[in-house]
Amino acid sequence: MARWRDGRGELVVGEGDDGGGAGVRVPLEIAASYRARTRGLLGRDSVDGALLLSPAGSVHTFRMRMPIDVAYLDRRLRVIAVRTMRPGRLGLPRPRSRHVLEAAAGAMEGWGLRVGVRVEVRISSPSAGT
């Protein structure tokens, strides 16, 4: 499994899952360091695309200003659960979860992100892999 660094990229949802289709491409922010994962979406009024927390098995929405969609991913980047969380909530840990995606509430349904779908992370920064 790839280990990412803090940075930006693109989340691809559903490409190749059913043997075709271009998939949905979403701007992605990657939070891989302890500091970036801890900060997450705190203090923000909105999110452009999605935020990937890696590694992560659970999240909370304490001190958040907006409801969010949360998708728990296994080590192969397959969705194992999707939830919408209001501010001030504590998400239950997911035993097989290795990564967590966060986005504005309602966004994931529009992307076709649901249990069983595999996502792909594409790094856009040339320095992300060094």
N, C-alpha and C. Protein backbone atom coordinates (compact mmCIF):
# COMPACT_ATOMS: atom_id res chain seq x y z
N MET A 1 0.85 -1.19 0.00
CA MET A 1 0.00 0.00 0.00
C MET A 1 0.88 1.24 0.00
N ALA A 2 0.51 2.19 -0.78
CA ALA A 2 1.26 3.43 -0.89
C ALA A 2 1.15 4.23 0.41
N ARG A 3 2.22 4.91 0.73
CA ARG A 3 2.20 5.85 1.84
C ARG A 3 2.31 7.24 1.25
N TRP A 4 1.37 8.08 1.58
CA TRP A 4 1.32 9.41 0.99
C TRP A 4 1.95 10.43 1.90
N ARG A 5 2.21 11.60 1.34
CA ARG A 5 2.64 12.78 2.09
C ARG A 5 1.55 13.82 1.99
N ASP A 6 1.58 14.79 2.88
CA ASP A 6 0.63 15.89 2.81
C ASP A 6 0.75 16.54 1.43
N GLY A 7 -0.39 16.86 0.85
CA GLY A 7 -0.35 17.51 -0.45
C GLY A 7 -1.70 17.46 -1.14
N ARG A 8 -1.65 17.57 -2.45
CA ARG A 8 -2.87 17.59 -3.24
C ARG A 8 -2.83 16.51 -4.30
N GLY A 9 -4.02 16.17 -4.75
CA GLY A 9 -4.12 15.17 -5.79
C GLY A 9 -5.53 15.13 -6.33
N GLU A 10 -5.90 13.97 -6.80
CA GLU A 10 -7.22 13.77 -7.38
C GLU A 10 -7.76 12.43 -6.90
N LEU A 11 -9.02 12.43 -6.50
CA LEU A 11 -9.71 11.21 -6.13
C LEU A 11 -10.53 10.77 -7.33
N VAL A 12 -10.37 9.52 -7.72
CA VAL A 12 -11.16 8.98 -8.83
C VAL A 12 -12.10 7.93 -8.25
N VAL A 13 -13.39 8.14 -8.46
CA VAL A 13 -14.43 7.26 -7.91
C VAL A 13 -15.05 6.45 -9.03
N GLY A 14 -14.99 5.12 -8.90
CA GLY A 14 -15.73 4.25 -9.80
C GLY A 14 -15.09 3.93 -11.12
N GLU A 15 -13.91 4.39 -11.39
CA GLU A 15 -13.28 4.08 -12.69
C GLU A 15 -12.91 2.61 -12.75
N GLY A 16 -13.43 1.93 -13.75
CA GLY A 16 -13.08 0.53 -13.96
C GLY A 16 -13.78 -0.46 -13.05
N ASP A 17 -14.63 -0.02 -12.13
CA ASP A 17 -15.32 -0.95 -11.23
C ASP A 17 -16.20 -1.94 -11.98
N ASP A 18 -16.87 -1.46 -13.01
CA ASP A 18 -17.81 -2.32 -13.75
C ASP A 18 -17.29 -2.62 -15.15
N GLY A 19 -15.99 -2.48 -15.33
CA GLY A 19 -15.41 -2.77 -16.63
C GLY A 19 -15.50 -1.62 -17.62
N GLY A 20 -15.85 -0.45 -17.14
CA GLY A 20 -15.92 0.69 -18.04
C GLY A 20 -16.22 1.96 -17.29
N GLY A 21 -16.43 3.01 -18.02
CA GLY A 21 -16.75 4.29 -17.41
C GLY A 21 -15.50 5.06 -17.03
N ALA A 22 -15.60 6.36 -17.15
CA ALA A 22 -14.46 7.21 -16.88
C ALA A 22 -14.29 7.50 -15.39
N GLY A 23 -15.33 7.28 -14.61
CA GLY A 23 -15.25 7.60 -13.20
C GLY A 23 -15.43 9.09 -12.95
N VAL A 24 -15.63 9.42 -11.69
CA VAL A 24 -15.79 10.81 -11.27
C VAL A 24 -14.46 11.26 -10.67
N ARG A 25 -14.00 12.42 -11.10
CA ARG A 25 -12.74 12.97 -10.59
C ARG A 25 -13.04 14.12 -9.64
N VAL A 26 -12.41 14.07 -8.47
CA VAL A 26 -12.68 15.03 -7.41
C VAL A 26 -11.35 15.60 -6.91
N PRO A 27 -11.24 16.93 -6.75
CA PRO A 27 -10.03 17.49 -6.15
C PRO A 27 -9.82 16.89 -4.76
N LEU A 28 -8.56 16.58 -4.44
CA LEU A 28 -8.27 15.88 -3.19
C LEU A 28 -7.13 16.56 -2.45
N GLU A 29 -7.33 16.72 -1.16
CA GLU A 29 -6.27 17.17 -0.26
C GLU A 29 -5.87 15.96 0.58
N ILE A 30 -4.58 15.72 0.70
CA ILE A 30 -4.08 14.56 1.44
C ILE A 30 -3.48 15.02 2.76
N ALA A 31 -3.97 14.43 3.86
CA ALA A 31 -3.46 14.71 5.20
C ALA A 31 -2.84 13.42 5.73
N ALA A 32 -1.53 13.30 5.58
CA ALA A 32 -0.84 12.08 5.98
C ALA A 32 -0.01 12.25 7.25
N SER A 33 0.41 13.47 7.55
CA SER A 33 1.19 13.69 8.77
C SER A 33 0.25 13.78 9.96
N TYR A 34 0.77 13.52 11.14
CA TYR A 34 -0.05 13.59 12.35
C TYR A 34 -0.69 14.98 12.47
N ARG A 35 0.09 16.02 12.24
CA ARG A 35 -0.41 17.38 12.37
C ARG A 35 -1.55 17.66 11.39
N ALA A 36 -1.38 17.28 10.13
CA ALA A 36 -2.41 17.53 9.12
C ALA A 36 -3.68 16.72 9.41
N ARG A 37 -3.50 15.47 9.86
CA ARG A 37 -4.68 14.64 10.19
C ARG A 37 -5.43 15.22 11.38
N THR A 38 -4.69 15.70 12.37
CA THR A 38 -5.32 16.28 13.56
C THR A 38 -6.10 17.54 13.20
N ARG A 39 -5.55 18.36 12.33
CA ARG A 39 -6.21 19.60 11.91
C ARG A 39 -7.43 19.29 11.04
N GLY A 40 -7.29 18.37 10.09
CA GLY A 40 -8.41 17.97 9.24
C GLY A 40 -9.17 19.15 8.68
N LEU A 41 -10.48 19.15 8.86
CA LEU A 41 -11.34 20.22 8.36
C LEU A 41 -11.70 21.23 9.45
N LEU A 42 -11.06 21.16 10.60
CA LEU A 42 -11.39 22.08 11.70
C LEU A 42 -11.19 23.53 11.28
N GLY A 43 -12.16 24.36 11.62
CA GLY A 43 -12.07 25.77 11.33
C GLY A 43 -12.47 26.18 9.92
N ARG A 44 -12.81 25.22 9.09
CA ARG A 44 -13.20 25.54 7.71
C ARG A 44 -14.71 25.66 7.61
N ASP A 45 -15.14 26.50 6.67
CA ASP A 45 -16.56 26.66 6.39
C ASP A 45 -17.01 25.80 5.22
N SER A 46 -16.05 25.30 4.45
CA SER A 46 -16.36 24.46 3.30
C SER A 46 -15.13 23.65 2.93
N VAL A 47 -15.32 22.69 2.04
CA VAL A 47 -14.22 21.89 1.53
C VAL A 47 -14.37 21.78 0.02
N ASP A 48 -13.28 21.99 -0.70
CA ASP A 48 -13.29 21.87 -2.15
C ASP A 48 -12.89 20.44 -2.49
N GLY A 49 -13.86 19.61 -2.83
CA GLY A 49 -13.58 18.21 -3.13
C GLY A 49 -13.59 17.38 -1.87
N ALA A 50 -12.47 16.68 -1.62
CA ALA A 50 -12.41 15.76 -0.48
C ALA A 50 -11.07 15.88 0.24
N LEU A 51 -11.07 15.41 1.48
CA LEU A 51 -9.86 15.34 2.29
C LEU A 51 -9.63 13.88 2.63
N LEU A 52 -8.43 13.37 2.36
CA LEU A 52 -8.05 12.01 2.69
C LEU A 52 -7.18 12.03 3.93
N LEU A 53 -7.61 11.33 4.99
CA LEU A 53 -6.83 11.17 6.21
C LEU A 53 -6.21 9.78 6.16
N SER A 54 -4.88 9.71 6.21
CA SER A 54 -4.23 8.42 6.10
C SER A 54 -2.93 8.40 6.91
N PRO A 55 -2.79 7.43 7.79
CA PRO A 55 -3.76 6.40 8.14
C PRO A 55 -4.80 6.95 9.12
N ALA A 56 -5.98 6.34 9.10
CA ALA A 56 -7.06 6.75 10.01
C ALA A 56 -8.11 5.65 10.06
N GLY A 57 -8.67 5.44 11.25
CA GLY A 57 -9.71 4.45 11.42
C GLY A 57 -11.00 5.02 11.95
N SER A 58 -10.95 6.28 12.42
CA SER A 58 -12.15 6.94 12.92
C SER A 58 -11.93 8.44 12.88
N VAL A 59 -13.02 9.19 13.00
CA VAL A 59 -12.96 10.65 12.99
C VAL A 59 -13.97 11.21 13.99
N HIS A 60 -13.84 12.50 14.25
CA HIS A 60 -14.83 13.21 15.07
C HIS A 60 -15.13 14.54 14.38
N THR A 61 -16.23 15.15 14.78
CA THR A 61 -16.60 16.45 14.20
C THR A 61 -16.71 17.52 15.28
N PHE A 62 -16.01 17.33 16.40
CA PHE A 62 -15.99 18.36 17.44
C PHE A 62 -15.31 19.62 16.89
N ARG A 63 -15.87 20.78 17.20
CA ARG A 63 -15.38 22.08 16.75
C ARG A 63 -15.47 22.27 15.23
N MET A 64 -16.25 21.45 14.56
CA MET A 64 -16.45 21.65 13.12
C MET A 64 -17.63 22.58 12.92
N ARG A 65 -17.62 23.26 11.79
CA ARG A 65 -18.67 24.24 11.49
C ARG A 65 -19.74 23.72 10.55
N MET A 66 -19.53 22.52 9.99
CA MET A 66 -20.46 22.02 8.97
C MET A 66 -20.61 20.51 9.08
N PRO A 67 -21.75 19.99 8.63
CA PRO A 67 -21.88 18.53 8.56
C PRO A 67 -21.01 18.00 7.41
N ILE A 68 -20.52 16.78 7.56
CA ILE A 68 -19.65 16.20 6.53
C ILE A 68 -20.06 14.77 6.21
N ASP A 69 -19.71 14.34 5.02
CA ASP A 69 -19.78 12.93 4.65
C ASP A 69 -18.44 12.31 5.01
N VAL A 70 -18.48 11.10 5.53
CA VAL A 70 -17.28 10.37 5.91
C VAL A 70 -17.33 8.99 5.26
N ALA A 71 -16.27 8.63 4.54
CA ALA A 71 -16.17 7.29 3.95
C ALA A 71 -14.95 6.61 4.54
N TYR A 72 -15.14 5.40 5.05
CA TYR A 72 -14.06 4.60 5.61
C TYR A 72 -13.57 3.65 4.53
N LEU A 73 -12.24 3.63 4.31
CA LEU A 73 -11.66 2.81 3.25
C LEU A 73 -10.75 1.74 3.84
N ASP A 74 -10.75 0.56 3.22
CA ASP A 74 -9.83 -0.50 3.66
C ASP A 74 -8.47 -0.29 3.01
N ARG A 75 -7.56 -1.23 3.22
CA ARG A 75 -6.20 -1.05 2.71
C ARG A 75 -6.12 -1.07 1.19
N ARG A 76 -7.14 -1.58 0.52
CA ARG A 76 -7.18 -1.59 -0.95
C ARG A 76 -7.99 -0.43 -1.52
N LEU A 77 -8.33 0.52 -0.66
CA LEU A 77 -9.10 1.72 -1.02
C LEU A 77 -10.52 1.40 -1.47
N ARG A 78 -11.08 0.35 -0.89
CA ARG A 78 -12.47 0.00 -1.13
C ARG A 78 -13.30 0.56 0.03
N VAL A 79 -14.45 1.15 -0.30
CA VAL A 79 -15.31 1.77 0.71
C VAL A 79 -15.97 0.69 1.55
N ILE A 80 -15.81 0.79 2.89
CA ILE A 80 -16.45 -0.19 3.78
C ILE A 80 -17.62 0.42 4.55
N ALA A 81 -17.71 1.75 4.58
CA ALA A 81 -18.85 2.42 5.23
C ALA A 81 -18.87 3.88 4.80
N VAL A 82 -20.07 4.45 4.71
CA VAL A 82 -20.25 5.88 4.42
C VAL A 82 -21.27 6.42 5.41
N ARG A 83 -20.94 7.53 6.03
CA ARG A 83 -21.84 8.16 7.01
C ARG A 83 -21.84 9.66 6.80
N THR A 84 -22.95 10.31 7.17
CA THR A 84 -23.00 11.76 7.25
C THR A 84 -22.98 12.11 8.74
N MET A 85 -22.07 13.00 9.11
CA MET A 85 -21.92 13.37 10.53
C MET A 85 -22.15 14.86 10.71
N ARG A 86 -23.00 15.18 11.69
CA ARG A 86 -23.22 16.58 12.07
C ARG A 86 -22.08 17.02 12.99
N PRO A 87 -21.87 18.33 13.14
CA PRO A 87 -20.84 18.81 14.06
C PRO A 87 -21.08 18.29 15.48
N GLY A 88 -19.99 18.07 16.20
CA GLY A 88 -20.08 17.63 17.60
C GLY A 88 -20.28 16.15 17.80
N ARG A 89 -19.97 15.35 16.80
CA ARG A 89 -20.16 13.89 16.89
C ARG A 89 -18.82 13.15 16.93
N LEU A 90 -18.86 11.94 17.48
CA LEU A 90 -17.70 11.06 17.51
C LEU A 90 -18.03 9.83 16.68
N GLY A 91 -17.27 9.60 15.63
CA GLY A 91 -17.50 8.44 14.77
C GLY A 91 -16.94 7.18 15.40
N LEU A 92 -17.63 6.08 15.24
CA LEU A 92 -17.15 4.81 15.78
C LEU A 92 -15.96 4.32 14.96
N PRO A 93 -14.97 3.76 15.61
CA PRO A 93 -13.83 3.20 14.87
C PRO A 93 -14.30 2.02 14.01
N ARG A 94 -13.74 1.91 12.83
CA ARG A 94 -14.05 0.81 11.91
C ARG A 94 -12.84 -0.13 11.91
N PRO A 95 -13.01 -1.37 12.34
CA PRO A 95 -11.86 -2.28 12.48
C PRO A 95 -10.99 -2.46 11.23
N ARG A 96 -11.56 -2.52 10.05
CA ARG A 96 -10.76 -2.71 8.84
C ARG A 96 -10.37 -1.41 8.15
N SER A 97 -10.77 -0.28 8.71
CA SER A 97 -10.49 1.01 8.09
C SER A 97 -9.02 1.38 8.20
N ARG A 98 -8.44 1.79 7.08
CA ARG A 98 -7.06 2.26 7.05
C ARG A 98 -6.96 3.72 6.65
N HIS A 99 -8.00 4.22 5.98
CA HIS A 99 -8.03 5.59 5.48
C HIS A 99 -9.45 6.11 5.63
N VAL A 100 -9.58 7.43 5.75
CA VAL A 100 -10.90 8.05 5.85
C VAL A 100 -10.96 9.23 4.87
N LEU A 101 -12.05 9.31 4.13
CA LEU A 101 -12.32 10.44 3.25
C LEU A 101 -13.37 11.32 3.90
N GLU A 102 -13.18 12.62 3.84
CA GLU A 102 -14.16 13.58 4.33
C GLU A 102 -14.53 14.53 3.20
N ALA A 103 -15.80 14.91 3.14
CA ALA A 103 -16.29 15.84 2.12
C ALA A 103 -17.53 16.54 2.66
N ALA A 104 -17.97 17.56 1.96
CA ALA A 104 -19.20 18.26 2.35
C ALA A 104 -20.36 17.27 2.35
N ALA A 105 -21.27 17.45 3.30
CA ALA A 105 -22.43 16.56 3.41
C ALA A 105 -23.19 16.51 2.09
N GLY A 106 -23.48 15.30 1.62
CA GLY A 106 -24.22 15.10 0.39
C GLY A 106 -23.35 14.91 -0.84
N ALA A 107 -22.09 15.27 -0.76
CA ALA A 107 -21.20 15.21 -1.94
C ALA A 107 -20.94 13.77 -2.38
N MET A 108 -20.71 12.89 -1.45
CA MET A 108 -20.31 11.52 -1.81
C MET A 108 -21.40 10.77 -2.58
N GLU A 109 -22.65 11.02 -2.22
CA GLU A 109 -23.75 10.38 -2.95
C GLU A 109 -23.72 10.83 -4.41
N GLY A 110 -23.46 12.10 -4.64
CA GLY A 110 -23.38 12.63 -6.00
C GLY A 110 -22.23 12.05 -6.80
N TRP A 111 -21.16 11.65 -6.12
CA TRP A 111 -19.99 11.05 -6.79
C TRP A 111 -20.18 9.55 -7.03
N GLY A 112 -21.24 8.97 -6.46
CA GLY A 112 -21.44 7.52 -6.57
C GLY A 112 -20.59 6.74 -5.58
N LEU A 113 -20.13 7.41 -4.53
CA LEU A 113 -19.30 6.76 -3.51
C LEU A 113 -20.21 6.02 -2.54
N ARG A 114 -20.13 4.70 -2.54
CA ARG A 114 -20.96 3.87 -1.66
C ARG A 114 -20.17 2.62 -1.28
N VAL A 115 -20.69 1.86 -0.36
CA VAL A 115 -20.02 0.64 0.10
C VAL A 115 -19.71 -0.27 -1.08
N GLY A 116 -18.48 -0.77 -1.12
CA GLY A 116 -18.05 -1.68 -2.17
C GLY A 116 -17.31 -1.02 -3.32
N VAL A 117 -17.45 0.29 -3.47
CA VAL A 117 -16.78 1.00 -4.56
C VAL A 117 -15.30 1.18 -4.21
N ARG A 118 -14.44 0.97 -5.19
CA ARG A 118 -13.01 1.19 -4.99
C ARG A 118 -12.65 2.56 -5.56
N VAL A 119 -11.84 3.32 -4.83
CA VAL A 119 -11.40 4.63 -5.29
C VAL A 119 -9.91 4.56 -5.63
N GLU A 120 -9.47 5.55 -6.36
CA GLU A 120 -8.05 5.66 -6.71
C GLU A 120 -7.58 7.04 -6.29
N VAL A 121 -6.35 7.12 -5.79
CA VAL A 121 -5.74 8.39 -5.41
C VAL A 121 -4.62 8.67 -6.38
N ARG A 122 -4.71 9.81 -7.05
CA ARG A 122 -3.66 10.23 -7.98
C ARG A 122 -3.00 11.49 -7.42
N ILE A 123 -1.69 11.43 -7.29
CA ILE A 123 -0.94 12.56 -6.75
C ILE A 123 -0.66 13.54 -7.88
N SER A 124 -0.94 14.83 -7.62
CA SER A 124 -0.71 15.83 -8.66
C SER A 124 0.60 16.58 -8.47
N SER A 125 1.15 16.55 -7.27
CA SER A 125 2.39 17.28 -7.01
C SER A 125 3.59 16.43 -7.35
N PRO A 126 4.52 16.92 -8.18
CA PRO A 126 5.69 16.13 -8.53
C PRO A 126 6.59 15.84 -7.33
N SER A 127 6.52 16.65 -6.29
CA SER A 127 7.36 16.42 -5.11
C SER A 127 6.73 15.47 -4.11
N ALA A 128 5.48 15.04 -4.34
CA ALA A 128 4.78 14.19 -3.38
C ALA A 128 5.41 12.84 -3.22
N GLY A 129 6.08 12.34 -4.24
CA GLY A 129 6.65 11.01 -4.14
C GLY A 129 8.12 10.97 -3.80
N THR A 130 8.71 12.11 -3.49
CA THR A 130 10.14 12.14 -3.19
C THR A 130 10.42 12.07 -1.72
